[in-house]
């Protein structure tokens, strides 16, 4: 983001490869791709991907642990 001095911030659910967003500071259009030269945008993509994976894992664990606990209670 040449010319923009602020740190890029956006919600992890919105950060995906190929998405275009406007910079909140300078209103410049930013295309998020894995091939970008900007290390900060690459890091944002990687961090967002990791956060989504952790969130999905937590939802999966909570869902299936509750189901397993309910099955265990029904058998006793």
C-alpha atoms as a PDB file:
ATOM      1  CA  UNK A   1       0.000   0.000   0.000  1.00  0.00           C
ATOM      2  CA  UNK A   2       2.352   2.743  -1.123  1.00  0.00           C
ATOM      3  CA  UNK A   3       1.383   6.129   0.249  1.00  0.00           C
ATOM      4  CA  UNK A   4      -0.659   4.696   3.116  1.00  0.00           C
ATOM      5  CA  UNK A   5       0.993   4.659   6.515  1.00  0.00           C
ATOM      6  CA  UNK A   6      -1.707   2.932   8.547  1.00  0.00           C
ATOM      7  CA  UNK A   7      -1.767  -0.779   9.357  1.00  0.00           C
ATOM      8  CA  UNK A   8      -4.259  -2.745   7.291  1.00  0.00           C
ATOM      9  CA  UNK A   9      -7.061  -4.099   9.491  1.00  0.00           C
ATOM     10  CA  UNK A  10     -10.118  -6.054   8.464  1.00  0.00           C
ATOM     11  CA  UNK A  11     -12.183  -8.908   9.915  1.00  0.00           C
ATOM     12  CA  UNK A  12     -10.730 -12.358   9.281  1.00  0.00           C
ATOM     13  CA  UNK A  13     -13.976 -13.582   7.709  1.00  0.00           C
ATOM     14  CA  UNK A  14     -13.638 -10.951   4.979  1.00  0.00           C
ATOM     15  CA  UNK A  15      -9.966 -11.601   4.178  1.00  0.00           C
ATOM     16  CA  UNK A  16      -9.694 -14.219   1.438  1.00  0.00           C
ATOM     17  CA  UNK A  17      -7.548 -14.721  -1.628  1.00  0.00           C
ATOM     18  CA  UNK A  18      -8.874 -12.695  -4.574  1.00  0.00           C
ATOM     19  CA  UNK A  19     -11.010 -10.275  -2.544  1.00  0.00           C
ATOM     20  CA  UNK A  20     -10.853  -6.546  -3.210  1.00  0.00           C
ATOM     21  CA  UNK A  21     -11.340  -4.061  -0.357  1.00  0.00           C
ATOM     22  CA  UNK A  22     -10.843  -0.335   0.049  1.00  0.00           C
ATOM     23  CA  UNK A  23      -8.213   0.909   2.486  1.00  0.00           C
ATOM     24  CA  UNK A  24     -10.012   2.594   5.368  1.00  0.00           C
ATOM     25  CA  UNK A  25      -7.370   5.316   5.542  1.00  0.00           C
ATOM     26  CA  UNK A  26      -6.642   6.328   1.938  1.00  0.00           C
ATOM     27  CA  UNK A  27      -9.634   4.634   0.206  1.00  0.00           C
ATOM     28  CA  UNK A  28      -7.282   2.927  -2.281  1.00  0.00           C
ATOM     29  CA  UNK A  29      -8.555  -0.349  -3.762  1.00  0.00           C
ATOM     30  CA  UNK A  30      -6.520  -3.300  -2.473  1.00  0.00           C
ATOM     31  CA  UNK A  31      -6.610  -6.716  -4.121  1.00  0.00           C
ATOM     32  CA  UNK A  32      -5.681  -9.468  -1.699  1.00  0.00           C
ATOM     33  CA  UNK A  33      -3.750 -12.289  -3.361  1.00  0.00           C
ATOM     34  CA  UNK A  34      -1.199 -14.809  -2.188  1.00  0.00           C
ATOM     35  CA  UNK A  35       1.184 -13.571  -4.894  1.00  0.00           C
ATOM     36  CA  UNK A  36       1.305  -9.970  -3.642  1.00  0.00           C
ATOM     37  CA  UNK A  37       4.690  -8.399  -3.010  1.00  0.00           C
ATOM     38  CA  UNK A  38       3.454  -6.713   0.182  1.00  0.00           C
ATOM     39  CA  UNK A  39       4.494  -8.869   3.163  1.00  0.00           C
ATOM     40  CA  UNK A  40       1.855  -7.247   5.380  1.00  0.00           C
ATOM     41  CA  UNK A  41      -0.968  -8.299   3.067  1.00  0.00           C
ATOM     42  CA  UNK A  42       0.458 -11.823   2.788  1.00  0.00           C
ATOM     43  CA  UNK A  43       0.625 -11.972   6.578  1.00  0.00           C
ATOM     44  CA  UNK A  44      -2.983 -10.727   6.825  1.00  0.00           C
ATOM     45  CA  UNK A  45      -4.114 -13.508   4.470  1.00  0.00           C
ATOM     46  CA  UNK A  46      -2.187 -16.144   6.414  1.00  0.00           C
ATOM     47  CA  UNK A  47      -3.412 -14.942   9.806  1.00  0.00           C
ATOM     48  CA  UNK A  48      -7.011 -14.752   8.605  1.00  0.00           C
ATOM     49  CA  UNK A  49      -6.781 -18.295   7.239  1.00  0.00           C
ATOM     50  CA  UNK A  50      -5.383 -19.533  10.581  1.00  0.00           C
ATOM     51  CA  UNK A  51      -8.073 -17.705  12.566  1.00  0.00           C
ATOM     52  CA  UNK A  52     -10.857 -19.156  10.416  1.00  0.00           C
ATOM     53  CA  UNK A  53      -9.402 -22.663  10.808  1.00  0.00           C
ATOM     54  CA  UNK A  54      -9.209 -22.272  14.600  1.00  0.00           C
ATOM     55  CA  UNK A  55     -12.769 -20.932  14.728  1.00  0.00           C
ATOM     56  CA  UNK A  56     -14.039 -23.815  12.587  1.00  0.00           C
ATOM     57  CA  UNK A  57     -12.177 -26.334  14.770  1.00  0.00           C
ATOM     58  CA  UNK A  58     -13.716 -24.843  17.918  1.00  0.00           C
ATOM     59  CA  UNK A  59     -17.227 -25.021  16.448  1.00  0.00           C
ATOM     60  CA  UNK A  60     -16.615 -28.602  15.276  1.00  0.00           C
ATOM     61  CA  UNK A  61     -15.284 -29.644  18.693  1.00  0.00           C
ATOM     62  CA  UNK A  62     -18.111 -27.979  20.590  1.00  0.00           C
ATOM     63  CA  UNK A  63     -20.730 -29.534  18.328  1.00  0.00           C
ATOM     64  CA  UNK A  64     -19.389 -33.064  18.386  1.00  0.00           C
ATOM     65  CA  UNK A  65     -18.348 -33.049  22.046  1.00  0.00           C
ATOM     66  CA  UNK A  66     -21.912 -32.077  22.979  1.00  0.00           C
ATOM     67  CA  UNK A  67     -23.289 -34.874  20.776  1.00  0.00           C
ATOM     68  CA  UNK A  68     -20.856 -37.405  22.247  1.00  0.00           C
ATOM     69  CA  UNK A  69     -21.723 -36.319  25.798  1.00  0.00           C
ATOM     70  CA  UNK A  70     -25.444 -36.629  25.067  1.00  0.00           C
ATOM     71  CA  UNK A  71     -24.968 -40.132  23.633  1.00  0.00           C
ATOM     72  CA  UNK A  72     -22.929 -41.149  26.664  1.00  0.00           C
ATOM     73  CA  UNK A  73     -25.684 -39.935  29.038  1.00  0.00           C
ATOM     74  CA  UNK A  74     -28.362 -41.833  27.108  1.00  0.00           C
ATOM     75  CA  UNK A  75     -26.517 -45.155  27.345  1.00  0.00           C
ATOM     76  CA  UNK A  76     -26.194 -45.086  31.165  1.00  0.00           C
END
